[in-house]
Amino acid sequence: MRQYTTTATSTGRDGRAFTSDGRLDLQMALQKELGGDGDGTNPEQLFAAGYAACFASAMQLVARKQKIDVSGMSVTAEVGLSPNGSGGFQLDVKLLAKLPDALSAETRQRLVETTHQVCPYSNATRGNIPVELTTV
């Protein structure tokens, strides 16, 4: 049973994207690197922001359950777009978790790997796109 549902509509890369509740309403634009003017948000930016936020929230949940203090942590998602060799495109993701200095390298790694099993974005992308996990 779903705990939450949302709806978003888009008219394309050079159009508009908006949610049914009106909280998100963005001008979209094709990236300059792909021949557009870049004067708007692109789907890869939205995916990066969503994945970073989701992974950070999942990490806070995992840390709380393991009684690990991750105050001041952040997650950065770098999303790449590349030709797939079949006329289409593919994504890849690098997630960088900035964690408190007091955590050992072993704790950081375990926390990130456990979070990767919990995060809905990680579960949705697993086996479909490469996701690289790093910590600092």
N, C-alpha and C. Protein backbone atom coordinates (compact mmCIF):
# COMPACT_ATOMS: atom_id res chain seq x y z
N MET A 1 0.83 -1.17 0.00
CA MET A 1 0.00 0.00 0.00
C MET A 1 0.89 1.25 0.00
N ARG A 2 0.63 2.15 -0.91
CA ARG A 2 1.39 3.40 -0.99
C ARG A 2 1.20 4.25 0.25
N GLN A 3 2.29 4.89 0.66
CA GLN A 3 2.20 5.85 1.76
C GLN A 3 2.12 7.28 1.25
N TYR A 4 2.53 7.48 -0.01
CA TYR A 4 2.52 8.82 -0.59
C TYR A 4 2.48 8.71 -2.10
N THR A 5 1.78 9.60 -2.74
CA THR A 5 1.73 9.69 -4.20
C THR A 5 1.79 11.15 -4.59
N THR A 6 2.53 11.44 -5.65
CA THR A 6 2.56 12.80 -6.19
C THR A 6 2.44 12.71 -7.70
N THR A 7 2.12 13.83 -8.31
CA THR A 7 1.95 13.88 -9.76
C THR A 7 2.67 15.09 -10.31
N ALA A 8 3.44 14.88 -11.36
CA ALA A 8 4.11 15.98 -12.04
C ALA A 8 3.86 15.84 -13.54
N THR A 9 3.79 16.97 -14.21
CA THR A 9 3.55 17.01 -15.65
C THR A 9 4.63 17.88 -16.29
N SER A 10 5.06 17.49 -17.48
CA SER A 10 6.04 18.30 -18.20
C SER A 10 5.65 18.39 -19.67
N THR A 11 5.98 19.52 -20.26
CA THR A 11 5.75 19.71 -21.69
C THR A 11 7.03 19.49 -22.49
N GLY A 12 8.11 19.03 -21.83
CA GLY A 12 9.36 18.70 -22.51
C GLY A 12 10.55 19.48 -22.00
N ARG A 13 11.71 19.15 -22.56
CA ARG A 13 12.96 19.79 -22.13
C ARG A 13 12.97 21.29 -22.36
N ASP A 14 12.26 21.76 -23.34
CA ASP A 14 12.17 23.20 -23.60
C ASP A 14 10.78 23.71 -23.28
N GLY A 15 10.23 23.21 -22.19
CA GLY A 15 8.88 23.60 -21.80
C GLY A 15 8.81 23.92 -20.32
N ARG A 16 7.86 23.32 -19.68
CA ARG A 16 7.59 23.57 -18.28
C ARG A 16 7.37 22.25 -17.57
N ALA A 17 7.72 22.21 -16.30
CA ALA A 17 7.41 21.04 -15.46
C ALA A 17 6.75 21.57 -14.20
N PHE A 18 5.68 20.91 -13.79
CA PHE A 18 4.95 21.39 -12.63
C PHE A 18 4.27 20.22 -11.93
N THR A 19 4.05 20.39 -10.63
CA THR A 19 3.35 19.38 -9.85
C THR A 19 1.89 19.76 -9.71
N SER A 20 1.08 18.76 -9.44
CA SER A 20 -0.37 18.98 -9.34
C SER A 20 -0.74 19.90 -8.18
N ASP A 21 0.08 19.95 -7.14
CA ASP A 21 -0.23 20.83 -6.01
C ASP A 21 0.31 22.25 -6.19
N GLY A 22 1.03 22.50 -7.30
CA GLY A 22 1.54 23.83 -7.60
C GLY A 22 2.80 24.23 -6.85
N ARG A 23 3.34 23.34 -6.02
CA ARG A 23 4.52 23.68 -5.22
C ARG A 23 5.79 23.72 -6.08
N LEU A 24 5.79 23.03 -7.20
CA LEU A 24 6.92 23.05 -8.11
C LEU A 24 6.42 23.48 -9.48
N ASP A 25 7.03 24.50 -10.03
CA ASP A 25 6.66 24.99 -11.36
C ASP A 25 7.92 25.59 -11.97
N LEU A 26 8.53 24.85 -12.88
CA LEU A 26 9.84 25.24 -13.40
C LEU A 26 9.85 25.40 -14.91
N GLN A 27 10.61 26.37 -15.36
CA GLN A 27 10.91 26.50 -16.78
C GLN A 27 12.01 25.49 -17.08
N MET A 28 11.77 24.65 -18.05
CA MET A 28 12.74 23.63 -18.44
C MET A 28 13.51 24.12 -19.67
N ALA A 29 14.75 23.65 -19.82
CA ALA A 29 15.55 24.04 -20.98
C ALA A 29 16.56 22.95 -21.30
N LEU A 30 16.76 22.74 -22.58
CA LEU A 30 17.79 21.83 -23.07
C LEU A 30 19.15 22.42 -22.72
N GLN A 31 20.04 21.59 -22.19
CA GLN A 31 21.38 22.03 -21.81
C GLN A 31 22.16 22.56 -23.01
N LYS A 32 23.03 23.53 -22.75
CA LYS A 32 23.89 24.08 -23.80
C LYS A 32 24.73 22.98 -24.44
N GLU A 33 25.18 22.03 -23.60
CA GLU A 33 26.01 20.92 -24.10
C GLU A 33 25.27 20.04 -25.09
N LEU A 34 23.95 20.12 -25.09
CA LEU A 34 23.14 19.32 -26.01
C LEU A 34 22.51 20.17 -27.11
N GLY A 35 22.95 21.44 -27.22
CA GLY A 35 22.47 22.31 -28.28
C GLY A 35 21.38 23.28 -27.89
N GLY A 36 21.01 23.31 -26.62
CA GLY A 36 19.98 24.23 -26.17
C GLY A 36 20.56 25.52 -25.63
N ASP A 37 19.69 26.37 -25.10
CA ASP A 37 20.16 27.63 -24.55
C ASP A 37 20.51 27.52 -23.07
N GLY A 38 20.08 26.45 -22.40
CA GLY A 38 20.41 26.24 -21.00
C GLY A 38 19.76 27.20 -20.04
N ASP A 39 18.76 27.94 -20.49
CA ASP A 39 18.11 28.96 -19.65
C ASP A 39 16.95 28.40 -18.83
N GLY A 40 17.15 27.27 -18.24
CA GLY A 40 16.13 26.66 -17.39
C GLY A 40 16.69 25.42 -16.74
N THR A 41 15.86 24.75 -16.01
CA THR A 41 16.24 23.51 -15.33
C THR A 41 16.14 22.36 -16.31
N ASN A 42 16.97 21.33 -16.11
CA ASN A 42 16.87 20.15 -16.97
C ASN A 42 16.55 18.92 -16.12
N PRO A 43 16.08 17.85 -16.73
CA PRO A 43 15.68 16.66 -15.97
C PRO A 43 16.82 16.06 -15.15
N GLU A 44 18.04 16.15 -15.64
CA GLU A 44 19.17 15.58 -14.91
C GLU A 44 19.41 16.34 -13.59
N GLN A 45 19.20 17.66 -13.62
CA GLN A 45 19.32 18.45 -12.39
C GLN A 45 18.24 18.05 -11.39
N LEU A 46 17.03 17.86 -11.88
CA LEU A 46 15.94 17.44 -11.00
C LEU A 46 16.21 16.06 -10.41
N PHE A 47 16.72 15.16 -11.23
CA PHE A 47 17.06 13.82 -10.75
C PHE A 47 18.16 13.89 -9.70
N ALA A 48 19.19 14.71 -9.96
CA ALA A 48 20.30 14.86 -9.01
C ALA A 48 19.80 15.41 -7.68
N ALA A 49 18.97 16.43 -7.72
CA ALA A 49 18.43 17.02 -6.50
C ALA A 49 17.56 16.02 -5.75
N GLY A 50 16.72 15.31 -6.46
CA GLY A 50 15.85 14.32 -5.83
C GLY A 50 16.63 13.18 -5.22
N TYR A 51 17.62 12.66 -5.95
CA TYR A 51 18.42 11.54 -5.44
C TYR A 51 19.22 11.99 -4.21
N ALA A 52 19.84 13.16 -4.28
CA ALA A 52 20.63 13.66 -3.14
C ALA A 52 19.75 13.81 -1.90
N ALA A 53 18.58 14.40 -2.06
CA ALA A 53 17.67 14.61 -0.94
C ALA A 53 17.17 13.28 -0.37
N CYS A 54 16.82 12.37 -1.25
CA CYS A 54 16.30 11.07 -0.82
C CYS A 54 17.39 10.28 -0.09
N PHE A 55 18.60 10.27 -0.65
CA PHE A 55 19.70 9.52 -0.04
C PHE A 55 20.06 10.11 1.32
N ALA A 56 20.08 11.45 1.42
CA ALA A 56 20.38 12.11 2.69
C ALA A 56 19.34 11.75 3.74
N SER A 57 18.07 11.77 3.37
CA SER A 57 17.00 11.41 4.32
C SER A 57 17.11 9.95 4.74
N ALA A 58 17.38 9.07 3.78
CA ALA A 58 17.54 7.66 4.10
C ALA A 58 18.74 7.45 5.03
N MET A 59 19.82 8.21 4.80
CA MET A 59 21.00 8.09 5.64
C MET A 59 20.69 8.55 7.07
N GLN A 60 19.92 9.59 7.21
CA GLN A 60 19.54 10.05 8.55
C GLN A 60 18.72 8.99 9.27
N LEU A 61 17.84 8.32 8.55
CA LEU A 61 17.04 7.24 9.12
C LEU A 61 17.93 6.08 9.56
N VAL A 62 18.83 5.65 8.68
CA VAL A 62 19.74 4.55 9.00
C VAL A 62 20.63 4.91 10.18
N ALA A 63 21.17 6.13 10.17
CA ALA A 63 22.05 6.57 11.25
C ALA A 63 21.31 6.60 12.59
N ARG A 64 20.08 7.07 12.57
CA ARG A 64 19.28 7.13 13.79
C ARG A 64 19.06 5.72 14.35
N LYS A 65 18.74 4.77 13.48
CA LYS A 65 18.53 3.38 13.91
C LYS A 65 19.81 2.76 14.47
N GLN A 66 20.97 3.17 13.92
CA GLN A 66 22.25 2.63 14.37
C GLN A 66 22.89 3.49 15.45
N LYS A 67 22.17 4.52 15.90
CA LYS A 67 22.64 5.44 16.93
C LYS A 67 23.99 6.09 16.55
N ILE A 68 24.05 6.56 15.29
CA ILE A 68 25.22 7.26 14.77
C ILE A 68 24.82 8.72 14.58
N ASP A 69 25.64 9.62 15.10
CA ASP A 69 25.38 11.05 14.95
C ASP A 69 25.93 11.53 13.61
N VAL A 70 25.04 11.96 12.73
CA VAL A 70 25.45 12.46 11.42
C VAL A 70 25.10 13.94 11.27
N SER A 71 25.04 14.64 12.39
CA SER A 71 24.74 16.08 12.36
C SER A 71 25.68 16.79 11.40
N GLY A 72 25.13 17.65 10.56
CA GLY A 72 25.94 18.42 9.62
C GLY A 72 26.28 17.67 8.33
N MET A 73 25.78 16.45 8.18
CA MET A 73 26.07 15.67 6.96
C MET A 73 25.38 16.27 5.75
N SER A 74 25.88 15.93 4.57
CA SER A 74 25.22 16.32 3.32
C SER A 74 25.53 15.26 2.27
N VAL A 75 24.69 15.22 1.25
CA VAL A 75 24.89 14.30 0.13
C VAL A 75 24.83 15.11 -1.15
N THR A 76 25.82 14.91 -2.01
CA THR A 76 25.85 15.54 -3.32
C THR A 76 25.71 14.44 -4.38
N ALA A 77 24.81 14.65 -5.32
CA ALA A 77 24.63 13.70 -6.42
C ALA A 77 25.10 14.34 -7.71
N GLU A 78 26.01 13.69 -8.38
CA GLU A 78 26.48 14.11 -9.70
C GLU A 78 25.86 13.15 -10.71
N VAL A 79 25.04 13.68 -11.60
CA VAL A 79 24.35 12.85 -12.58
C VAL A 79 24.93 13.12 -13.96
N GLY A 80 25.39 12.08 -14.60
CA GLY A 80 25.94 12.19 -15.95
C GLY A 80 24.95 11.67 -16.98
N LEU A 81 25.00 12.26 -18.15
CA LEU A 81 24.17 11.85 -19.29
C LEU A 81 25.10 11.53 -20.44
N SER A 82 25.01 10.32 -20.97
CA SER A 82 25.92 9.87 -22.03
C SER A 82 25.14 9.11 -23.09
N PRO A 83 25.63 9.11 -24.34
CA PRO A 83 25.02 8.27 -25.37
C PRO A 83 25.13 6.80 -24.96
N ASN A 84 24.11 6.01 -25.27
CA ASN A 84 24.14 4.60 -24.88
C ASN A 84 24.62 3.67 -25.99
N GLY A 85 24.97 4.22 -27.14
CA GLY A 85 25.45 3.39 -28.24
C GLY A 85 24.35 2.82 -29.11
N SER A 86 23.09 3.04 -28.74
CA SER A 86 21.95 2.52 -29.50
C SER A 86 21.04 3.64 -29.97
N GLY A 87 21.57 4.87 -29.99
CA GLY A 87 20.78 6.00 -30.44
C GLY A 87 20.06 6.73 -29.32
N GLY A 88 20.17 6.22 -28.10
CA GLY A 88 19.54 6.86 -26.95
C GLY A 88 20.57 7.36 -25.97
N PHE A 89 20.16 7.57 -24.75
CA PHE A 89 21.04 8.09 -23.71
C PHE A 89 20.92 7.26 -22.45
N GLN A 90 21.94 7.37 -21.61
CA GLN A 90 21.92 6.68 -20.32
C GLN A 90 22.45 7.61 -19.24
N LEU A 91 22.05 7.32 -18.02
CA LEU A 91 22.49 8.10 -16.86
C LEU A 91 23.53 7.31 -16.08
N ASP A 92 24.36 8.03 -15.34
CA ASP A 92 25.20 7.44 -14.31
C ASP A 92 25.20 8.42 -13.14
N VAL A 93 25.45 7.90 -11.94
CA VAL A 93 25.38 8.72 -10.74
C VAL A 93 26.60 8.49 -9.87
N LYS A 94 27.11 9.58 -9.32
CA LYS A 94 28.13 9.52 -8.27
C LYS A 94 27.53 10.21 -7.06
N LEU A 95 27.44 9.49 -5.94
CA LEU A 95 26.93 10.05 -4.70
C LEU A 95 28.10 10.28 -3.75
N LEU A 96 28.20 11.49 -3.25
CA LEU A 96 29.26 11.85 -2.30
C LEU A 96 28.60 12.23 -0.98
N ALA A 97 28.84 11.42 0.04
CA ALA A 97 28.31 11.70 1.37
C ALA A 97 29.39 12.38 2.20
N LYS A 98 29.11 13.61 2.62
CA LYS A 98 30.02 14.35 3.50
C LYS A 98 29.53 14.09 4.92
N LEU A 99 30.34 13.36 5.67
CA LEU A 99 29.96 12.92 7.01
C LEU A 99 30.85 13.54 8.07
N PRO A 100 30.41 13.54 9.32
CA PRO A 100 31.21 14.13 10.40
C PRO A 100 32.60 13.50 10.49
N ASP A 101 33.59 14.33 10.76
CA ASP A 101 34.98 13.87 10.88
C ASP A 101 35.16 12.81 11.95
N ALA A 102 34.32 12.82 12.98
CA ALA A 102 34.46 11.89 14.10
C ALA A 102 34.18 10.43 13.71
N LEU A 103 33.55 10.21 12.58
CA LEU A 103 33.22 8.84 12.16
C LEU A 103 34.43 8.16 11.51
N SER A 104 34.65 6.91 11.85
CA SER A 104 35.75 6.15 11.24
C SER A 104 35.42 5.84 9.78
N ALA A 105 36.45 5.52 9.02
CA ALA A 105 36.26 5.17 7.61
C ALA A 105 35.36 3.95 7.49
N GLU A 106 35.49 3.00 8.39
CA GLU A 106 34.68 1.79 8.37
C GLU A 106 33.20 2.13 8.63
N THR A 107 32.95 3.00 9.60
CA THR A 107 31.57 3.41 9.92
C THR A 107 30.97 4.16 8.75
N ARG A 108 31.73 5.05 8.14
CA ARG A 108 31.24 5.81 6.98
C ARG A 108 30.83 4.87 5.85
N GLN A 109 31.71 3.93 5.55
CA GLN A 109 31.46 3.00 4.44
C GLN A 109 30.22 2.14 4.73
N ARG A 110 30.13 1.62 5.94
CA ARG A 110 28.98 0.78 6.32
C ARG A 110 27.69 1.58 6.25
N LEU A 111 27.73 2.82 6.71
CA LEU A 111 26.55 3.69 6.70
C LEU A 111 26.08 3.96 5.27
N VAL A 112 27.01 4.27 4.39
CA VAL A 112 26.66 4.56 3.00
C VAL A 112 26.12 3.32 2.29
N GLU A 113 26.75 2.19 2.52
CA GLU A 113 26.29 0.95 1.88
C GLU A 113 24.91 0.53 2.39
N THR A 114 24.67 0.68 3.68
CA THR A 114 23.35 0.35 4.23
C THR A 114 22.30 1.31 3.69
N THR A 115 22.64 2.59 3.63
CA THR A 115 21.72 3.59 3.09
C THR A 115 21.36 3.27 1.64
N HIS A 116 22.33 2.80 0.88
CA HIS A 116 22.10 2.45 -0.53
C HIS A 116 21.07 1.33 -0.67
N GLN A 117 20.93 0.50 0.36
CA GLN A 117 19.93 -0.57 0.35
C GLN A 117 18.55 -0.08 0.76
N VAL A 118 18.50 1.06 1.47
CA VAL A 118 17.25 1.61 2.00
C VAL A 118 16.63 2.67 1.08
N CYS A 119 17.46 3.51 0.47
CA CYS A 119 17.01 4.65 -0.32
C CYS A 119 16.13 4.22 -1.51
N PRO A 120 14.93 4.79 -1.64
CA PRO A 120 14.06 4.45 -2.77
C PRO A 120 14.68 4.72 -4.15
N TYR A 121 15.45 5.80 -4.27
CA TYR A 121 16.10 6.08 -5.55
C TYR A 121 17.14 5.00 -5.86
N SER A 122 17.91 4.60 -4.86
CA SER A 122 18.89 3.54 -5.06
C SER A 122 18.21 2.24 -5.45
N ASN A 123 17.10 1.94 -4.79
CA ASN A 123 16.37 0.72 -5.13
C ASN A 123 15.77 0.78 -6.53
N ALA A 124 15.35 1.97 -6.96
CA ALA A 124 14.77 2.12 -8.30
C ALA A 124 15.83 2.02 -9.39
N THR A 125 17.05 2.47 -9.09
CA THR A 125 18.08 2.51 -10.13
C THR A 125 18.98 1.27 -10.12
N ARG A 126 18.97 0.50 -9.05
CA ARG A 126 19.87 -0.65 -8.92
C ARG A 126 19.73 -1.59 -10.11
N GLY A 127 20.87 -1.87 -10.74
CA GLY A 127 20.88 -2.76 -11.88
C GLY A 127 20.54 -2.07 -13.19
N ASN A 128 20.11 -0.81 -13.13
CA ASN A 128 19.75 -0.07 -14.34
C ASN A 128 20.79 0.95 -14.75
N ILE A 129 21.41 1.60 -13.77
CA ILE A 129 22.43 2.59 -14.05
C ILE A 129 23.56 2.43 -13.03
N PRO A 130 24.79 2.79 -13.43
CA PRO A 130 25.88 2.71 -12.45
C PRO A 130 25.74 3.82 -11.40
N VAL A 131 25.92 3.43 -10.12
CA VAL A 131 25.89 4.37 -9.01
C VAL A 131 27.16 4.15 -8.21
N GLU A 132 27.99 5.19 -8.12
CA GLU A 132 29.24 5.14 -7.37
C GLU A 132 29.03 5.84 -6.03
N LEU A 133 29.43 5.17 -4.95
CA LEU A 133 29.27 5.71 -3.60
C LEU A 133 30.63 6.13 -3.05
N THR A 134 30.73 7.36 -2.56
CA THR A 134 31.96 7.82 -1.93
C THR A 134 31.62 8.61 -0.67
N THR A 135 32.59 8.70 0.23
CA THR A 135 32.41 9.47 1.45
C THR A 135 33.62 10.36 1.69
N VAL A 136 33.39 11.46 2.40
CA VAL A 136 34.46 12.32 2.89
C VAL A 136 34.10 12.75 4.29
